[in-house]
Amino acid sequence: MPEIRIDPLTGQRSIIAGARAGRPGGELSSPPAAPIDPESDPFADGHEDRTPPELYALRPGGGAPDTPGWQVRVVPNLYPALSEQPADPAAKLALAQALWLEQATDQATALASQVLATHPHSIVALMILLASELRRGRALRVRELQARIDAIEPGLVLHPEVASLLGLPVGK
């Protein structure tokens, strides 16, 4: 049965309709890729001038960077799917939350601070900063952040799982 789910981080809605895979044309398929033309392939040996400067290469016979004769060659992506510093505040918050969960609290705190500079009423950013200050034992800053949160969302009580993920006391 189809259902609408809400992403707890972004608030965006998604439709989950697994039964639609059974309709004609709904099956998972992957047609074979077209063969790569060796003359136009920028990653082929001898085409090093068509890629950014290499970061690393394994050349058994030696040789200068960005020259043929390599077995493995690493170059930066010209069109990365993700950047280190997203511009969109929602993307920054999502990255900050992911970093927080991975214990990269300094980077998460920095991103949350950037979001607050332009969106001072962001509860998620304030919660990340609050959790960071609690970990550092900075009681005065914790009270200031809690007052800001209470002013925006009076009586806010976090779900116990969210509180524990952020390292906040359960029930507040």
C-alpha atoms as a PDB file:
ATOM      1  CA  MET A   1       0.000   0.000   0.000  1.00  0.00           C
ATOM      2  CA  PRO A   2       1.466   3.397  -0.919  1.00  0.00           C
ATOM      3  CA  GLU A   3       2.361   5.710   1.924  1.00  0.00           C
ATOM      4  CA  ILE A   4       3.723   9.211   2.402  1.00  0.00           C
ATOM      5  CA  ARG A   5       6.806   9.485   4.594  1.00  0.00           C
ATOM      6  CA  ILE A   6       8.315  12.684   5.957  1.00  0.00           C
ATOM      7  CA  ASP A   7      12.078  13.046   6.211  1.00  0.00           C
ATOM      8  CA  PRO A   8      12.704  14.051   9.850  1.00  0.00           C
ATOM      9  CA  LEU A   9      15.776  16.090   8.910  1.00  0.00           C
ATOM     10  CA  THR A  10      14.383  18.157   6.046  1.00  0.00           C
ATOM     11  CA  GLY A  11      10.605  17.853   6.414  1.00  0.00           C
ATOM     12  CA  GLN A  12      10.324  16.864   2.746  1.00  0.00           C
ATOM     13  CA  ARG A  13       7.702  14.304   1.796  1.00  0.00           C
ATOM     14  CA  SER A  14       8.309  11.142  -0.216  1.00  0.00           C
ATOM     15  CA  ILE A  15       5.844   8.670  -1.664  1.00  0.00           C
ATOM     16  CA  ILE A  16       6.727   5.028  -1.045  1.00  0.00           C
ATOM     17  CA  ALA A  17       4.834   2.799  -3.464  1.00  0.00           C
ATOM     18  CA  GLY A  18       6.585  -0.565  -3.690  1.00  0.00           C
ATOM     19  CA  ALA A  19       3.717  -2.237  -5.561  1.00  0.00           C
ATOM     20  CA  ARG A  20       4.339   0.021  -8.567  1.00  0.00           C
ATOM     21  CA  ALA A  21       7.436  -2.059  -9.361  1.00  0.00           C
ATOM     22  CA  GLY A  22       5.099  -4.857 -10.482  1.00  0.00           C
ATOM     23  CA  ARG A  23       3.436  -2.833 -13.235  1.00  0.00           C
ATOM     24  CA  PRO A  24       4.622  -3.151 -16.863  1.00  0.00           C
ATOM     25  CA  GLY A  25       7.856  -1.226 -17.264  1.00  0.00           C
ATOM     26  CA  GLY A  26       8.326  -0.932 -13.497  1.00  0.00           C
ATOM     27  CA  GLU A  27      10.918  -3.679 -13.165  1.00  0.00           C
ATOM     28  CA  LEU A  28      14.553  -2.920 -12.437  1.00  0.00           C
ATOM     29  CA  SER A  29      16.599  -3.051 -15.614  1.00  0.00           C
ATOM     30  CA  SER A  30      19.968  -1.836 -16.721  1.00  0.00           C
ATOM     31  CA  PRO A  31      20.693  -1.791 -20.446  1.00  0.00           C
ATOM     32  CA  PRO A  32      24.331  -2.453 -21.338  1.00  0.00           C
ATOM     33  CA  ALA A  33      26.445   0.662 -21.624  1.00  0.00           C
ATOM     34  CA  ALA A  34      27.625   1.785 -25.035  1.00  0.00           C
ATOM     35  CA  PRO A  35      31.257   0.863 -25.729  1.00  0.00           C
ATOM     36  CA  ILE A  36      33.783   3.589 -24.901  1.00  0.00           C
ATOM     37  CA  ASP A  37      35.559   5.115 -27.884  1.00  0.00           C
ATOM     38  CA  PRO A  38      39.293   4.908 -27.022  1.00  0.00           C
ATOM     39  CA  GLU A  39      40.021   8.056 -29.053  1.00  0.00           C
ATOM     40  CA  SER A  40      37.600  10.238 -27.092  1.00  0.00           C
ATOM     41  CA  ASP A  41      38.147   8.658 -23.641  1.00  0.00           C
ATOM     42  CA  PRO A  42      39.828  11.329 -21.460  1.00  0.00           C
ATOM     43  CA  PHE A  43      40.914   8.628 -18.972  1.00  0.00           C
ATOM     44  CA  ALA A  44      42.803   6.489 -21.498  1.00  0.00           C
ATOM     45  CA  ASP A  45      46.576   6.174 -21.287  1.00  0.00           C
ATOM     46  CA  GLY A  46      48.088   8.937 -23.416  1.00  0.00           C
ATOM     47  CA  HIS A  47      45.234  11.412 -22.819  1.00  0.00           C
ATOM     48  CA  GLU A  48      46.585  12.855 -19.553  1.00  0.00           C
ATOM     49  CA  ASP A  49      46.246  16.392 -20.947  1.00  0.00           C
ATOM     50  CA  ARG A  50      42.433  15.953 -21.003  1.00  0.00           C
ATOM     51  CA  THR A  51      42.093  15.549 -17.216  1.00  0.00           C
ATOM     52  CA  PRO A  52      42.963  17.714 -14.205  1.00  0.00           C
ATOM     53  CA  PRO A  53      46.499  17.275 -12.840  1.00  0.00           C
ATOM     54  CA  GLU A  54      46.896  13.897 -11.177  1.00  0.00           C
ATOM     55  CA  LEU A  55      46.846  13.478  -7.413  1.00  0.00           C
ATOM     56  CA  TYR A  56      48.537  10.087  -7.471  1.00  0.00           C
ATOM     57  CA  ALA A  57      49.754   7.571 -10.033  1.00  0.00           C
ATOM     58  CA  LEU A  58      51.314   4.136  -9.918  1.00  0.00           C
ATOM     59  CA  ARG A  59      54.011   3.916 -12.589  1.00  0.00           C
ATOM     60  CA  PRO A  60      56.021   0.668 -12.402  1.00  0.00           C
ATOM     61  CA  GLY A  61      58.667   2.040 -14.777  1.00  0.00           C
ATOM     62  CA  GLY A  62      58.780   5.488 -13.163  1.00  0.00           C
ATOM     63  CA  GLY A  63      58.045   8.700 -14.993  1.00  0.00           C
ATOM     64  CA  ALA A  64      56.927  12.270 -14.511  1.00  0.00           C
ATOM     65  CA  PRO A  65      53.418  13.200 -13.312  1.00  0.00           C
ATOM     66  CA  ASP A  66      50.687  13.505 -15.954  1.00  0.00           C
ATOM     67  CA  THR A  67      52.535  11.333 -18.467  1.00  0.00           C
ATOM     68  CA  PRO A  68      51.644   7.929 -19.998  1.00  0.00           C
ATOM     69  CA  GLY A  69      52.843   4.612 -18.593  1.00  0.00           C
ATOM     70  CA  TRP A  70      50.733   4.408 -15.438  1.00  0.00           C
ATOM     71  CA  GLN A  71      48.747   1.431 -14.150  1.00  0.00           C
ATOM     72  CA  VAL A  72      46.581   3.454 -11.741  1.00  0.00           C
ATOM     73  CA  ARG A  73      45.987   7.197 -11.929  1.00  0.00           C
ATOM     74  CA  VAL A  74      43.906   9.383  -9.569  1.00  0.00           C
ATOM     75  CA  VAL A  75      42.577  12.781 -10.670  1.00  0.00           C
ATOM     76  CA  PRO A  76      40.107  15.142  -8.961  1.00  0.00           C
ATOM     77  CA  ASN A  77      36.478  15.041 -10.072  1.00  0.00           C
ATOM     78  CA  LEU A  78      35.565  18.087 -12.179  1.00  0.00           C
ATOM     79  CA  TYR A  79      31.868  17.652 -11.329  1.00  0.00           C
ATOM     80  CA  PRO A  80      31.597  16.316  -7.756  1.00  0.00           C
ATOM     81  CA  ALA A  81      28.143  15.304  -6.533  1.00  0.00           C
ATOM     82  CA  LEU A  82      28.910  16.798  -3.113  1.00  0.00           C
ATOM     83  CA  SER A  83      31.057  19.714  -2.107  1.00  0.00           C
ATOM     84  CA  GLU A  84      32.849  20.142   1.183  1.00  0.00           C
ATOM     85  CA  GLN A  85      30.886  23.300   1.973  1.00  0.00           C
ATOM     86  CA  PRO A  86      27.318  23.276   0.639  1.00  0.00           C
ATOM     87  CA  ALA A  87      25.737  26.713   0.124  1.00  0.00           C
ATOM     88  CA  ASP A  88      22.150  25.707   0.913  1.00  0.00           C
ATOM     89  CA  PRO A  89      21.357  26.024   4.670  1.00  0.00           C
ATOM     90  CA  ALA A  90      19.313  22.801   4.657  1.00  0.00           C
ATOM     91  CA  ALA A  91      22.232  20.945   3.061  1.00  0.00           C
ATOM     92  CA  LYS A  92      24.624  22.428   5.616  1.00  0.00           C
ATOM     93  CA  LEU A  93      22.379  21.231   8.434  1.00  0.00           C
ATOM     94  CA  ALA A  94      22.076  17.754   6.961  1.00  0.00           C
ATOM     95  CA  LEU A  95      25.865  17.587   6.663  1.00  0.00           C
ATOM     96  CA  ALA A  96      26.257  18.939  10.208  1.00  0.00           C
ATOM     97  CA  GLN A  97      23.910  16.251  11.534  1.00  0.00           C
ATOM     98  CA  ALA A  98      25.778  13.526   9.672  1.00  0.00           C
ATOM     99  CA  LEU A  99      29.105  14.827  10.956  1.00  0.00           C
ATOM    100  CA  TRP A 100      27.723  14.954  14.491  1.00  0.00           C
ATOM    101  CA  LEU A 101      26.631  11.326  14.283  1.00  0.00           C
ATOM    102  CA  GLU A 102      30.111  10.420  13.020  1.00  0.00           C
ATOM    103  CA  GLN A 103      31.642  12.224  16.038  1.00  0.00           C
ATOM    104  CA  ALA A 104      33.114  15.001  13.858  1.00  0.00           C
ATOM    105  CA  THR A 105      31.715  17.545  16.296  1.00  0.00           C
ATOM    106  CA  ASP A 106      34.026  20.447  15.455  1.00  0.00           C
ATOM    107  CA  GLN A 107      33.008  20.431  11.790  1.00  0.00           C
ATOM    108  CA  ALA A 108      29.345  19.946  12.727  1.00  0.00           C
ATOM    109  CA  THR A 109      29.504  22.869  15.145  1.00  0.00           C
ATOM    110  CA  ALA A 110      31.153  25.086  12.513  1.00  0.00           C
ATOM    111  CA  LEU A 111      28.453  24.290   9.937  1.00  0.00           C
ATOM    112  CA  ALA A 112      25.671  24.852  12.503  1.00  0.00           C
ATOM    113  CA  SER A 113      27.204  28.245  13.337  1.00  0.00           C
ATOM    114  CA  GLN A 114      27.250  29.174   9.635  1.00  0.00           C
ATOM    115  CA  VAL A 115      23.562  28.291   9.323  1.00  0.00           C
ATOM    116  CA  LEU A 116      22.687  30.366  12.407  1.00  0.00           C
ATOM    117  CA  ALA A 117      24.441  33.388  10.922  1.00  0.00           C
ATOM    118  CA  THR A 118      21.786  33.550   8.190  1.00  0.00           C
ATOM    119  CA  HIS A 119      18.944  31.577   9.819  1.00  0.00           C
ATOM    120  CA  PRO A 120      18.956  32.513  13.534  1.00  0.00           C
ATOM    121  CA  HIS A 121      15.753  30.543  14.250  1.00  0.00           C
ATOM    122  CA  SER A 122      17.071  27.132  13.122  1.00  0.00           C
ATOM    123  CA  ILE A 123      16.209  24.732  15.946  1.00  0.00           C
ATOM    124  CA  VAL A 124      18.416  21.970  14.505  1.00  0.00           C
ATOM    125  CA  ALA A 125      21.473  24.231  14.333  1.00  0.00           C
ATOM    126  CA  LEU A 126      20.818  25.465  17.866  1.00  0.00           C
ATOM    127  CA  MET A 127      20.486  21.876  19.108  1.00  0.00           C
ATOM    128  CA  ILE A 128      23.827  20.901  17.543  1.00  0.00           C
ATOM    129  CA  LEU A 129      25.503  23.880  19.216  1.00  0.00           C
ATOM    130  CA  LEU A 130      23.744  23.125  22.510  1.00  0.00           C
ATOM    131  CA  ALA A 131      24.963  19.520  22.450  1.00  0.00           C
ATOM    132  CA  SER A 132      28.487  20.698  21.637  1.00  0.00           C
ATOM    133  CA  GLU A 133      28.518  23.138  24.543  1.00  0.00           C
ATOM    134  CA  LEU A 134      27.134  20.469  26.900  1.00  0.00           C
ATOM    135  CA  ARG A 135      29.998  18.161  25.915  1.00  0.00           C
ATOM    136  CA  ARG A 136      32.479  20.941  26.613  1.00  0.00           C
ATOM    137  CA  GLY A 137      30.887  21.747  29.975  1.00  0.00           C
ATOM    138  CA  ARG A 138      30.144  25.393  29.147  1.00  0.00           C
ATOM    139  CA  ALA A 139      27.121  25.968  31.375  1.00  0.00           C
ATOM    140  CA  LEU A 140      26.655  29.684  30.602  1.00  0.00           C
ATOM    141  CA  ARG A 141      26.618  29.084  26.839  1.00  0.00           C
ATOM    142  CA  VAL A 142      24.248  26.120  27.347  1.00  0.00           C
ATOM    143  CA  ARG A 143      21.780  28.351  29.231  1.00  0.00           C
ATOM    144  CA  GLU A 144      22.016  31.026  26.511  1.00  0.00           C
ATOM    145  CA  LEU A 145      21.319  28.502  23.735  1.00  0.00           C
ATOM    146  CA  GLN A 146      18.488  26.889  25.726  1.00  0.00           C
ATOM    147  CA  ALA A 147      16.915  30.336  26.181  1.00  0.00           C
ATOM    148  CA  ARG A 148      17.112  30.942  22.408  1.00  0.00           C
ATOM    149  CA  ILE A 149      15.492  27.580  21.704  1.00  0.00           C
ATOM    150  CA  ASP A 150      12.752  28.212  24.291  1.00  0.00           C
ATOM    151  CA  ALA A 151      12.047  31.635  22.743  1.00  0.00           C
ATOM    152  CA  ILE A 152      11.607  30.069  19.291  1.00  0.00           C
ATOM    153  CA  GLU A 153       9.830  26.859  20.350  1.00  0.00           C
ATOM    154  CA  PRO A 154       8.438  27.230  23.907  1.00  0.00           C
ATOM    155  CA  GLY A 155       8.136  23.941  25.759  1.00  0.00           C
ATOM    156  CA  LEU A 156      10.044  21.949  23.123  1.00  0.00           C
ATOM    157  CA  VAL A 157      10.694  18.398  24.317  1.00  0.00           C
ATOM    158  CA  LEU A 158      12.936  16.243  22.177  1.00  0.00           C
ATOM    159  CA  HIS A 159      12.161  12.635  21.413  1.00  0.00           C
ATOM    160  CA  PRO A 160      14.421  10.544  23.702  1.00  0.00           C
ATOM    161  CA  GLU A 161      16.247   8.967  20.718  1.00  0.00           C
ATOM    162  CA  VAL A 162      16.996  12.401  19.224  1.00  0.00           C
ATOM    163  CA  ALA A 163      18.191  13.694  22.586  1.00  0.00           C
ATOM    164  CA  SER A 164      20.485  10.705  23.061  1.00  0.00           C
ATOM    165  CA  LEU A 165      21.918  11.043  19.518  1.00  0.00           C
ATOM    166  CA  LEU A 166      22.762  14.673  20.231  1.00  0.00           C
ATOM    167  CA  GLY A 167      24.050  13.828  23.695  1.00  0.00           C
ATOM    168  CA  LEU A 168      21.386  16.020  25.325  1.00  0.00           C
ATOM    169  CA  PRO A 169      19.581  15.174  28.553  1.00  0.00           C
ATOM    170  CA  VAL A 170      16.437  13.157  27.852  1.00  0.00           C
ATOM    171  CA  GLY A 171      13.229  15.131  28.460  1.00  0.00           C
ATOM    172  CA  LYS A 172      14.583  18.613  27.611  1.00  0.00           C
END
